[in-house]
Amino acid sequence: MVGEIAQFISAMRGAARAAQNTVDAYRRDLADFHGYLASRRRGDDELGEPIDVESISADHVRDYLAFLMKANASRATIQRRLFAIKAFFRWREGLTGHPNPARAIRSPKLEKRLPQVLGEDAVVDLIESETQTTAAGLRDRAILEVLYSTGIRVSELTALCWRDVDTELGMVMVRAGKGNKDRLIPIGEPALDALMAWRAAMPVAWSLDGPVITNLRGGRLTSRSVQKIVERRLRSSGLDVALSPHGLRHSFATHLLNAGADLRAIQEMLGHSSLATTQRYTHVNVRHLKEVYRRAHPRA
């Protein structure tokens, strides 16, 4: 089974639409499934040593999902692992014709959680919580400004190069993000000003092909480092809220929608292939909805 999983992952890497993060997640999820099967092989003579993929039945997959539930795995984790298992067996079915044992297994419904967002005033408090004088401080300010101004993912922020920032047009090009689609996003003047201030203070010379967000040695900053910066700035701002860099993306979408922006325009800026995904990224309170209805409907 290990060899076939490796072949499947290799095939995924060769697919133009498969993002690297997705490939890595599927590899880890399938390795976990294989580990589960291996751990119970002594009590299941069907699986043998090594594990024969064709001996795996729908009951084995269901038992694995039940095991995850007992281990208190989140529904999102269980759903993602089932997606990986289904994709693997679907790929194998196409090669060998052997039936997919996971075909009829349904995914657990995800908990409907509203994403955490900051109010507009709270965003200002977060961004302006510290006086920016050092190179690190100017960089951190630029990180917060760009995340909120553009709504890009933290992985897209860390992948930006200076040639992707058009200061004259006030646009940012996000290249081959999730879904391998390039997209242009407007960026506000405060964010551009913060970027230029950071570029002037960079301790290592910048270049058009060089990274926008770096550590103080000039290396590209990691997503985890950005998360730590946001967490530290939350503490220094005195905001009592748990917020990840993705929370600024949620805030971006919600504030635009509350101000009357078109949902499909927000979808384009966020880079979502589905409008339903965009809707989950937005907080629309009842008062706002009723006000929009009152102003827009002829018989409100």
C-alpha atoms as a PDB file:
ATOM      1  CA  MET A   1       0.000   0.000   0.000  1.00  0.00           C
ATOM      2  CA  VAL A   2       2.859   2.377   0.788  1.00  0.00           C
ATOM      3  CA  GLY A   3       4.136   2.150  -2.771  1.00  0.00           C
ATOM      4  CA  GLU A   4       0.719   2.845  -4.267  1.00  0.00           C
ATOM      5  CA  ILE A   5       0.218   5.837  -1.995  1.00  0.00           C
ATOM      6  CA  ALA A   6       3.575   7.180  -3.217  1.00  0.00           C
ATOM      7  CA  GLN A   7       2.449   6.693  -6.840  1.00  0.00           C
ATOM      8  CA  PHE A   8      -0.815   8.513  -6.120  1.00  0.00           C
ATOM      9  CA  ILE A   9       1.008  11.447  -4.507  1.00  0.00           C
ATOM     10  CA  SER A  10       3.359  11.601  -7.484  1.00  0.00           C
ATOM     11  CA  ALA A  11       0.355  11.692  -9.818  1.00  0.00           C
ATOM     12  CA  MET A  12      -1.159  14.507  -7.751  1.00  0.00           C
ATOM     13  CA  ARG A  13       2.058  16.518  -7.981  1.00  0.00           C
ATOM     14  CA  GLY A  14       1.899  16.151 -11.755  1.00  0.00           C
ATOM     15  CA  ALA A  15      -1.633  17.549 -11.886  1.00  0.00           C
ATOM     16  CA  ALA A  16      -1.539  21.281 -12.734  1.00  0.00           C
ATOM     17  CA  ARG A  17      -4.430  22.113 -10.440  1.00  0.00           C
ATOM     18  CA  ALA A  18      -3.102  20.364  -7.314  1.00  0.00           C
ATOM     19  CA  ALA A  19      -1.722  22.913  -4.851  1.00  0.00           C
ATOM     20  CA  GLN A  20       1.357  21.826  -2.892  1.00  0.00           C
ATOM     21  CA  ASN A  21      -0.435  22.252   0.432  1.00  0.00           C
ATOM     22  CA  THR A  22      -3.176  19.893  -0.769  1.00  0.00           C
ATOM     23  CA  VAL A  23      -0.639  17.313  -1.941  1.00  0.00           C
ATOM     24  CA  ASP A  24       1.162  17.435   1.413  1.00  0.00           C
ATOM     25  CA  ALA A  25      -2.099  17.136   3.355  1.00  0.00           C
ATOM     26  CA  TYR A  26      -3.231  14.104   1.316  1.00  0.00           C
ATOM     27  CA  ARG A  27       0.143  12.434   1.832  1.00  0.00           C
ATOM     28  CA  ARG A  28      -0.090  12.898   5.624  1.00  0.00           C
ATOM     29  CA  ASP A  29      -3.731  11.786   5.754  1.00  0.00           C
ATOM     30  CA  LEU A  30      -3.117   8.626   3.750  1.00  0.00           C
ATOM     31  CA  ALA A  31      -0.061   7.828   5.865  1.00  0.00           C
ATOM     32  CA  ASP A  32      -2.263   8.097   8.957  1.00  0.00           C
ATOM     33  CA  PHE A  33      -4.861   5.768   7.413  1.00  0.00           C
ATOM     34  CA  HIS A  34      -2.138   3.273   6.532  1.00  0.00           C
ATOM     35  CA  GLY A  35      -0.733   3.541  10.066  1.00  0.00           C
ATOM     36  CA  TYR A  36      -4.158   2.758  11.513  1.00  0.00           C
ATOM     37  CA  LEU A  37      -4.550  -0.308   9.311  1.00  0.00           C
ATOM     38  CA  ALA A  38      -1.048  -1.488  10.158  1.00  0.00           C
ATOM     39  CA  SER A  39      -1.668  -1.097  13.876  1.00  0.00           C
ATOM     40  CA  ARG A  40      -4.602  -3.509  13.778  1.00  0.00           C
ATOM     41  CA  ARG A  41      -3.243  -6.032  11.294  1.00  0.00           C
ATOM     42  CA  ARG A  42      -2.586  -8.682  13.988  1.00  0.00           C
ATOM     43  CA  GLY A  43      -6.284  -8.783  14.739  1.00  0.00           C
ATOM     44  CA  ASP A  44      -7.336  -8.719  11.090  1.00  0.00           C
ATOM     45  CA  ASP A  45      -5.917 -11.512   8.992  1.00  0.00           C
ATOM     46  CA  GLU A  46      -7.434  -9.958   5.871  1.00  0.00           C
ATOM     47  CA  LEU A  47      -4.874  -7.179   5.877  1.00  0.00           C
ATOM     48  CA  GLY A  48      -1.820  -9.340   6.235  1.00  0.00           C
ATOM     49  CA  GLU A  49       1.774  -8.122   6.039  1.00  0.00           C
ATOM     50  CA  PRO A  50       2.297  -5.935   4.070  1.00  0.00           C
ATOM     51  CA  ILE A  51      -1.166  -4.446   3.662  1.00  0.00           C
ATOM     52  CA  ASP A  52      -2.892  -5.494   0.444  1.00  0.00           C
ATOM     53  CA  VAL A  53      -4.893  -2.548  -0.865  1.00  0.00           C
ATOM     54  CA  GLU A  54      -7.494  -4.800  -2.498  1.00  0.00           C
ATOM     55  CA  SER A  55      -8.282  -6.364   0.896  1.00  0.00           C
ATOM     56  CA  ILE A  56      -9.440  -2.986   2.274  1.00  0.00           C
ATOM     57  CA  SER A  57     -13.210  -2.803   2.520  1.00  0.00           C
ATOM     58  CA  ALA A  58     -15.751  -0.099   3.304  1.00  0.00           C
ATOM     59  CA  ASP A  59     -15.885  -1.483   6.844  1.00  0.00           C
ATOM     60  CA  HIS A  60     -12.183  -0.748   7.306  1.00  0.00           C
ATOM     61  CA  VAL A  61     -12.738   2.841   6.216  1.00  0.00           C
ATOM     62  CA  ARG A  62     -15.761   3.215   8.523  1.00  0.00           C
ATOM     63  CA  ASP A  63     -13.787   1.736  11.432  1.00  0.00           C
ATOM     64  CA  TYR A  64     -11.033   4.264  10.790  1.00  0.00           C
ATOM     65  CA  LEU A  65     -13.506   7.162  10.815  1.00  0.00           C
ATOM     66  CA  ALA A  66     -15.020   5.818  14.037  1.00  0.00           C
ATOM     67  CA  PHE A  67     -11.528   5.639  15.527  1.00  0.00           C
ATOM     68  CA  LEU A  68     -10.948   9.309  14.638  1.00  0.00           C
ATOM     69  CA  MET A  69     -14.261  10.278  16.229  1.00  0.00           C
ATOM     70  CA  LYS A  70     -13.368   8.457  19.452  1.00  0.00           C
ATOM     71  CA  ALA A  71     -10.031  10.285  19.421  1.00  0.00           C
ATOM     72  CA  ASN A  72     -11.994  13.583  19.344  1.00  0.00           C
ATOM     73  CA  ALA A  73     -10.736  14.583  15.914  1.00  0.00           C
ATOM     74  CA  SER A  74     -12.626  17.537  14.501  1.00  0.00           C
ATOM     75  CA  ARG A  75     -15.243  16.993  11.818  1.00  0.00           C
ATOM     76  CA  ALA A  76     -13.105  19.016   9.428  1.00  0.00           C
ATOM     77  CA  THR A  77     -10.167  16.655  10.013  1.00  0.00           C
ATOM     78  CA  ILE A  78     -12.351  13.571   9.532  1.00  0.00           C
ATOM     79  CA  GLN A  79     -13.868  15.028   6.374  1.00  0.00           C
ATOM     80  CA  ARG A  80     -10.461  15.909   4.927  1.00  0.00           C
ATOM     81  CA  ARG A  81      -9.074  12.436   5.615  1.00  0.00           C
ATOM     82  CA  LEU A  82     -12.083  10.810   4.007  1.00  0.00           C
ATOM     83  CA  PHE A  83     -11.597  13.045   0.955  1.00  0.00           C
ATOM     84  CA  ALA A  84      -7.989  11.840   0.725  1.00  0.00           C
ATOM     85  CA  ILE A  85      -9.005   8.183   1.057  1.00  0.00           C
ATOM     86  CA  LYS A  86     -11.728   8.562  -1.580  1.00  0.00           C
ATOM     87  CA  ALA A  87      -9.350  10.325  -3.956  1.00  0.00           C
ATOM     88  CA  PHE A  88      -6.750   7.584  -3.537  1.00  0.00           C
ATOM     89  CA  PHE A  89      -9.191   4.750  -4.220  1.00  0.00           C
ATOM     90  CA  ARG A  90     -10.812   6.658  -7.088  1.00  0.00           C
ATOM     91  CA  TRP A  91      -7.375   7.062  -8.689  1.00  0.00           C
ATOM     92  CA  ARG A  92      -6.625   3.372  -8.111  1.00  0.00           C
ATOM     93  CA  GLU A  93     -10.003   2.326  -9.542  1.00  0.00           C
ATOM     94  CA  GLY A  94      -9.136   4.189 -12.719  1.00  0.00           C
ATOM     95  CA  LEU A  95      -5.867   2.255 -13.006  1.00  0.00           C
ATOM     96  CA  THR A  96      -6.940  -1.231 -11.948  1.00  0.00           C
ATOM     97  CA  GLY A  97     -10.724  -1.319 -12.200  1.00  0.00           C
ATOM     98  CA  HIS A  98     -10.904  -2.511  -8.581  1.00  0.00           C
ATOM     99  CA  PRO A  99     -14.040  -1.012  -6.926  1.00  0.00           C
ATOM    100  CA  ASN A 100     -13.613   1.994  -4.667  1.00  0.00           C
ATOM    101  CA  PRO A 101     -14.541   0.813  -1.116  1.00  0.00           C
ATOM    102  CA  ALA A 102     -15.028   4.386   0.088  1.00  0.00           C
ATOM    103  CA  ARG A 103     -17.377   5.467  -2.700  1.00  0.00           C
ATOM    104  CA  ALA A 104     -20.640   5.226  -0.726  1.00  0.00           C
ATOM    105  CA  ILE A 105     -19.298   6.530   2.590  1.00  0.00           C
ATOM    106  CA  ARG A 106     -20.692   9.966   3.435  1.00  0.00           C
ATOM    107  CA  SER A 107     -18.665  12.708   5.050  1.00  0.00           C
ATOM    108  CA  PRO A 108     -19.713  14.077   8.445  1.00  0.00           C
ATOM    109  CA  LYS A 109     -21.349  17.476   8.246  1.00  0.00           C
ATOM    110  CA  LEU A 110     -19.069  20.278   9.333  1.00  0.00           C
ATOM    111  CA  GLU A 111     -19.899  22.410  12.348  1.00  0.00           C
ATOM    112  CA  LYS A 112     -21.172  25.766  11.152  1.00  0.00           C
ATOM    113  CA  ARG A 113     -18.839  28.152  12.900  1.00  0.00           C
ATOM    114  CA  LEU A 114     -18.783  31.837  12.163  1.00  0.00           C
ATOM    115  CA  PRO A 115     -15.211  32.963  11.535  1.00  0.00           C
ATOM    116  CA  GLN A 116     -13.611  35.301  14.057  1.00  0.00           C
ATOM    117  CA  VAL A 117     -13.435  38.887  12.841  1.00  0.00           C
ATOM    118  CA  LEU A 118     -12.421  42.247  14.253  1.00  0.00           C
ATOM    119  CA  GLY A 119     -14.558  45.355  14.118  1.00  0.00           C
ATOM    120  CA  GLU A 120     -13.237  48.245  12.047  1.00  0.00           C
ATOM    121  CA  ASP A 121     -12.092  50.194  15.111  1.00  0.00           C
ATOM    122  CA  ALA A 122     -10.382  47.110  16.496  1.00  0.00           C
ATOM    123  CA  VAL A 123      -8.438  46.685  13.252  1.00  0.00           C
ATOM    124  CA  VAL A 124      -7.177  50.256  13.610  1.00  0.00           C
ATOM    125  CA  ASP A 125      -6.183  49.546  17.217  1.00  0.00           C
ATOM    126  CA  LEU A 126      -4.286  46.439  16.104  1.00  0.00           C
ATOM    127  CA  ILE A 127      -2.420  48.140  13.273  1.00  0.00           C
ATOM    128  CA  GLU A 128      -1.602  51.304  15.207  1.00  0.00           C
ATOM    129  CA  SER A 129      -0.886  49.695  18.586  1.00  0.00           C
ATOM    130  CA  GLU A 130       2.860  50.330  18.372  1.00  0.00           C
ATOM    131  CA  THR A 131       4.971  53.232  17.163  1.00  0.00           C
ATOM    132  CA  GLN A 132       6.924  51.989  14.188  1.00  0.00           C
ATOM    133  CA  THR A 133      10.569  53.065  14.158  1.00  0.00           C
ATOM    134  CA  THR A 134      12.674  49.903  13.816  1.00  0.00           C
ATOM    135  CA  ALA A 135      12.947  47.787  10.675  1.00  0.00           C
ATOM    136  CA  ALA A 136      11.120  44.937  12.406  1.00  0.00           C
ATOM    137  CA  GLY A 137       8.347  47.272  13.559  1.00  0.00           C
ATOM    138  CA  LEU A 138       7.894  48.716  10.080  1.00  0.00           C
ATOM    139  CA  ARG A 139       7.779  45.231   8.611  1.00  0.00           C
ATOM    140  CA  ASP A 140       5.186  44.089  11.147  1.00  0.00           C
ATOM    141  CA  ARG A 141       3.053  47.145  10.369  1.00  0.00           C
ATOM    142  CA  ALA A 142       3.296  46.323   6.652  1.00  0.00           C
ATOM    143  CA  ILE A 143       2.228  42.731   7.317  1.00  0.00           C
ATOM    144  CA  LEU A 144      -0.933  43.806   9.147  1.00  0.00           C
ATOM    145  CA  GLU A 145      -1.761  46.526   6.632  1.00  0.00           C
ATOM    146  CA  VAL A 146      -1.410  44.229   3.624  1.00  0.00           C
ATOM    147  CA  LEU A 147      -3.332  41.326   5.149  1.00  0.00           C
ATOM    148  CA  TYR A 148      -6.268  43.580   5.973  1.00  0.00           C
ATOM    149  CA  SER A 149      -6.065  45.750   2.856  1.00  0.00           C
ATOM    150  CA  THR A 150      -6.016  42.878   0.354  1.00  0.00           C
ATOM    151  CA  GLY A 151      -7.539  39.897   2.171  1.00  0.00           C
ATOM    152  CA  ILE A 152      -4.817  37.606   0.844  1.00  0.00           C
ATOM    153  CA  ARG A 153      -3.887  34.362   2.570  1.00  0.00           C
ATOM    154  CA  VAL A 154      -0.817  34.391   4.783  1.00  0.00           C
ATOM    155  CA  SER A 155       0.882  31.920   2.409  1.00  0.00           C
ATOM    156  CA  GLU A 156       0.209  34.335  -0.457  1.00  0.00           C
ATOM    157  CA  LEU A 157       1.646  37.217   1.558  1.00  0.00           C
ATOM    158  CA  THR A 158       4.887  35.380   2.273  1.00  0.00           C
ATOM    159  CA  ALA A 159       5.164  34.383  -1.410  1.00  0.00           C
ATOM    160  CA  LEU A 160       4.901  37.975  -2.692  1.00  0.00           C
ATOM    161  CA  CYS A 161       7.846  39.464  -4.580  1.00  0.00           C
ATOM    162  CA  TRP A 162       8.374  43.183  -5.119  1.00  0.00           C
ATOM    163  CA  ARG A 163       7.530  42.929  -8.814  1.00  0.00           C
ATOM    164  CA  ASP A 164       4.065  41.764  -7.747  1.00  0.00           C
ATOM    165  CA  VAL A 165       3.336  45.147  -6.107  1.00  0.00           C
ATOM    166  CA  ASP A 166       2.271  47.884  -8.565  1.00  0.00           C
ATOM    167  CA  THR A 167       2.483  51.148  -6.630  1.00  0.00           C
ATOM    168  CA  GLU A 168       1.218  53.258  -9.540  1.00  0.00           C
ATOM    169  CA  LEU A 169      -1.951  51.255 -10.141  1.00  0.00           C
ATOM    170  CA  GLY A 170      -2.383  50.332  -6.489  1.00  0.00           C
ATOM    171  CA  MET A 171      -2.666  46.623  -7.283  1.00  0.00           C
ATOM    172  CA  VAL A 172      -1.067  43.422  -6.038  1.00  0.00           C
ATOM    173  CA  MET A 173      -0.615  40.324  -8.190  1.00  0.00           C
ATOM    174  CA  VAL A 174      -1.080  37.079  -6.300  1.00  0.00           C
ATOM    175  CA  ARG A 175       0.577  34.390  -8.352  1.00  0.00           C
ATOM    176  CA  ALA A 176      -0.645  30.790  -8.470  1.00  0.00           C
ATOM    177  CA  GLY A 177      -2.190  30.771  -5.032  1.00  0.00           C
ATOM    178  CA  LYS A 178      -4.667  28.154  -3.886  1.00  0.00           C
ATOM    179  CA  GLY A 179      -6.184  26.619  -7.002  1.00  0.00           C
ATOM    180  CA  ASN A 180      -3.190  27.759  -9.078  1.00  0.00           C
ATOM    181  CA  LYS A 181      -4.916  30.934 -10.277  1.00  0.00           C
ATOM    182  CA  ASP A 182      -3.207  34.302 -10.602  1.00  0.00           C
ATOM    183  CA  ARG A 183      -5.359  37.246  -9.551  1.00  0.00           C
ATOM    184  CA  LEU A 184      -5.068  41.026  -9.248  1.00  0.00           C
ATOM    185  CA  ILE A 185      -6.230  42.650  -6.023  1.00  0.00           C
ATOM    186  CA  PRO A 186      -6.520  46.354  -5.162  1.00  0.00           C
ATOM    187  CA  ILE A 187      -4.359  47.546  -2.279  1.00  0.00           C
ATOM    188  CA  GLY A 188      -5.057  50.688  -0.260  1.00  0.00           C
ATOM    189  CA  GLU A 189      -2.747  53.651   0.199  1.00  0.00           C
ATOM    190  CA  PRO A 190      -2.050  53.008   3.908  1.00  0.00           C
ATOM    191  CA  ALA A 191      -0.841  49.505   3.021  1.00  0.00           C
ATOM    192  CA  LEU A 192       1.280  50.815   0.133  1.00  0.00           C
ATOM    193  CA  ASP A 193       2.769  53.496   2.397  1.00  0.00           C
ATOM    194  CA  ALA A 194       3.581  50.827   4.982  1.00  0.00           C
ATOM    195  CA  LEU A 195       5.237  48.655   2.338  1.00  0.00           C
ATOM    196  CA  MET A 196       7.373  51.532   1.057  1.00  0.00           C
ATOM    197  CA  ALA A 197       8.422  52.447   4.599  1.00  0.00           C
ATOM    198  CA  TRP A 198       9.444  48.854   5.219  1.00  0.00           C
ATOM    199  CA  ARG A 199      11.319  48.636   1.910  1.00  0.00           C
ATOM    200  CA  ALA A 200      13.298  51.775   2.751  1.00  0.00           C
ATOM    201  CA  ALA A 201      14.245  50.265   6.121  1.00  0.00           C
ATOM    202  CA  MET A 202      15.036  46.708   4.936  1.00  0.00           C
ATOM    203  CA  PRO A 203      18.413  45.669   6.371  1.00  0.00           C
ATOM    204  CA  VAL A 204      19.185  43.714   3.186  1.00  0.00           C
ATOM    205  CA  ALA A 205      18.974  45.260  -0.279  1.00  0.00           C
ATOM    206  CA  TRP A 206      15.711  44.488  -2.053  1.00  0.00           C
ATOM    207  CA  SER A 207      15.240  43.425  -5.674  1.00  0.00           C
ATOM    208  CA  LEU A 208      12.243  43.082  -7.975  1.00  0.00           C
ATOM    209  CA  ASP A 209      12.471  39.303  -7.803  1.00  0.00           C
ATOM    210  CA  GLY A 210      13.139  39.329  -4.082  1.00  0.00           C
ATOM    211  CA  PRO A 211      10.602  38.610  -1.313  1.00  0.00           C
ATOM    212  CA  VAL A 212       8.484  41.454   0.043  1.00  0.00           C
ATOM    213  CA  ILE A 213       8.231  40.110   3.585  1.00  0.00           C
ATOM    214  CA  THR A 214      11.539  38.920   5.019  1.00  0.00           C
ATOM    215  CA  ASN A 215      13.283  38.285   8.293  1.00  0.00           C
ATOM    216  CA  LEU A 216      16.036  40.690   9.269  1.00  0.00           C
ATOM    217  CA  ARG A 217      18.615  38.558   7.426  1.00  0.00           C
ATOM    218  CA  GLY A 218      16.779  38.907   4.137  1.00  0.00           C
ATOM    219  CA  GLY A 219      15.224  35.428   4.028  1.00  0.00           C
ATOM    220  CA  ARG A 220      11.579  34.941   3.147  1.00  0.00           C
ATOM    221  CA  LEU A 221       9.414  34.964   6.288  1.00  0.00           C
ATOM    222  CA  THR A 222       7.412  31.821   7.070  1.00  0.00           C
ATOM    223  CA  SER A 223       3.661  31.657   7.634  1.00  0.00           C
ATOM    224  CA  ARG A 224       4.272  30.561  11.214  1.00  0.00           C
ATOM    225  CA  SER A 225       6.430  33.637  11.834  1.00  0.00           C
ATOM    226  CA  VAL A 226       3.647  35.877  10.521  1.00  0.00           C
ATOM    227  CA  GLN A 227       1.201  34.154  12.864  1.00  0.00           C
ATOM    228  CA  LYS A 228       3.496  34.840  15.837  1.00  0.00           C
ATOM    229  CA  ILE A 229       3.756  38.501  14.814  1.00  0.00           C
ATOM    230  CA  VAL A 230      -0.036  38.853  14.672  1.00  0.00           C
ATOM    231  CA  GLU A 231      -0.386  37.155  18.070  1.00  0.00           C
ATOM    232  CA  ARG A 232       2.192  39.486  19.620  1.00  0.00           C
ATOM    233  CA  ARG A 233       0.555  42.571  18.153  1.00  0.00           C
ATOM    234  CA  LEU A 234      -2.823  41.438  19.493  1.00  0.00           C
ATOM    235  CA  ARG A 235      -1.328  41.268  22.979  1.00  0.00           C
ATOM    236  CA  SER A 236       0.312  44.670  22.693  1.00  0.00           C
ATOM    237  CA  SER A 237      -2.927  46.230  21.403  1.00  0.00           C
ATOM    238  CA  GLY A 238      -4.863  44.956  24.420  1.00  0.00           C
ATOM    239  CA  LEU A 239      -7.475  43.229  22.238  1.00  0.00           C
ATOM    240  CA  ASP A 240      -8.887  40.246  24.119  1.00  0.00           C
ATOM    241  CA  VAL A 241      -9.581  38.062  21.097  1.00  0.00           C
ATOM    242  CA  ALA A 242      -8.026  34.975  19.540  1.00  0.00           C
ATOM    243  CA  LEU A 243      -7.249  35.945  15.967  1.00  0.00           C
ATOM    244  CA  SER A 244      -5.028  34.308  13.369  1.00  0.00           C
ATOM    245  CA  PRO A 245      -3.726  36.056  10.243  1.00  0.00           C
ATOM    246  CA  HIS A 246      -6.698  34.407   8.498  1.00  0.00           C
ATOM    247  CA  GLY A 247      -8.942  36.449  10.794  1.00  0.00           C
ATOM    248  CA  LEU A 248      -7.814  39.591   8.997  1.00  0.00           C
ATOM    249  CA  ARG A 249      -8.931  37.943   5.750  1.00  0.00           C
ATOM    250  CA  HIS A 250     -12.341  37.317   7.303  1.00  0.00           C
ATOM    251  CA  SER A 251     -12.442  40.909   8.527  1.00  0.00           C
ATOM    252  CA  PHE A 252     -11.534  42.216   5.062  1.00  0.00           C
ATOM    253  CA  ALA A 253     -14.429  40.315   3.460  1.00  0.00           C
ATOM    254  CA  THR A 254     -16.943  41.171   6.170  1.00  0.00           C
ATOM    255  CA  HIS A 255     -16.181  44.899   6.230  1.00  0.00           C
ATOM    256  CA  LEU A 256     -16.404  45.107   2.437  1.00  0.00           C
ATOM    257  CA  LEU A 257     -19.756  43.354   2.396  1.00  0.00           C
ATOM    258  CA  ASN A 258     -21.131  45.449   5.233  1.00  0.00           C
ATOM    259  CA  ALA A 259     -20.149  48.564   3.279  1.00  0.00           C
ATOM    260  CA  GLY A 260     -22.153  47.384   0.271  1.00  0.00           C
ATOM    261  CA  ALA A 261     -19.528  45.619  -1.845  1.00  0.00           C
ATOM    262  CA  ASP A 262     -20.802  43.028  -4.300  1.00  0.00           C
ATOM    263  CA  LEU A 263     -20.357  39.458  -3.064  1.00  0.00           C
ATOM    264  CA  ARG A 264     -19.011  38.283  -6.412  1.00  0.00           C
ATOM    265  CA  ALA A 265     -16.374  41.034  -6.406  1.00  0.00           C
ATOM    266  CA  ILE A 266     -15.317  39.875  -2.939  1.00  0.00           C
ATOM    267  CA  GLN A 267     -15.231  36.310  -4.252  1.00  0.00           C
ATOM    268  CA  GLU A 268     -12.833  37.403  -7.001  1.00  0.00           C
ATOM    269  CA  MET A 269     -10.550  39.238  -4.589  1.00  0.00           C
ATOM    270  CA  LEU A 270     -10.458  36.324  -2.156  1.00  0.00           C
ATOM    271  CA  GLY A 271      -9.732  33.880  -4.966  1.00  0.00           C
ATOM    272  CA  HIS A 272     -12.631  31.542  -4.176  1.00  0.00           C
ATOM    273  CA  SER A 273     -13.879  29.226  -6.908  1.00  0.00           C
ATOM    274  CA  SER A 274     -17.251  28.905  -5.164  1.00  0.00           C
ATOM    275  CA  LEU A 275     -19.533  31.710  -4.033  1.00  0.00           C
ATOM    276  CA  ALA A 276     -20.676  29.490  -1.162  1.00  0.00           C
ATOM    277  CA  THR A 277     -17.135  29.579   0.234  1.00  0.00           C
ATOM    278  CA  THR A 278     -17.133  33.372   0.133  1.00  0.00           C
ATOM    279  CA  GLN A 279     -20.407  33.489   2.025  1.00  0.00           C
ATOM    280  CA  ARG A 280     -18.843  31.497   4.857  1.00  0.00           C
ATOM    281  CA  TYR A 281     -16.074  34.092   5.079  1.00  0.00           C
ATOM    282  CA  THR A 282     -18.450  36.943   5.835  1.00  0.00           C
ATOM    283  CA  HIS A 283     -20.242  38.135   8.952  1.00  0.00           C
ATOM    284  CA  VAL A 284     -23.504  39.812   8.036  1.00  0.00           C
ATOM    285  CA  ASN A 285     -25.474  40.774  11.103  1.00  0.00           C
ATOM    286  CA  VAL A 286     -29.264  40.850  11.084  1.00  0.00           C
ATOM    287  CA  ARG A 287     -29.422  44.611  11.596  1.00  0.00           C
ATOM    288  CA  HIS A 288     -27.287  45.185   8.500  1.00  0.00           C
ATOM    289  CA  LEU A 289     -29.375  42.797   6.416  1.00  0.00           C
ATOM    290  CA  LYS A 290     -32.604  44.512   7.463  1.00  0.00           C
ATOM    291  CA  GLU A 291     -31.152  47.930   6.686  1.00  0.00           C
ATOM    292  CA  VAL A 292     -30.048  46.808   3.214  1.00  0.00           C
ATOM    293  CA  TYR A 293     -33.509  45.331   2.634  1.00  0.00           C
ATOM    294  CA  ARG A 294     -35.244  48.502   3.823  1.00  0.00           C
ATOM    295  CA  ARG A 295     -33.188  50.707   1.507  1.00  0.00           C
ATOM    296  CA  ALA A 296     -33.299  48.434  -1.523  1.00  0.00           C
ATOM    297  CA  HIS A 297     -36.698  46.758  -1.664  1.00  0.00           C
ATOM    298  CA  PRO A 298     -39.520  48.813  -3.213  1.00  0.00           C
ATOM    299  CA  ARG A 299     -42.091  47.426  -0.781  1.00  0.00           C
ATOM    300  CA  ALA A 300     -39.995  47.168   2.347  1.00  0.00           C
END
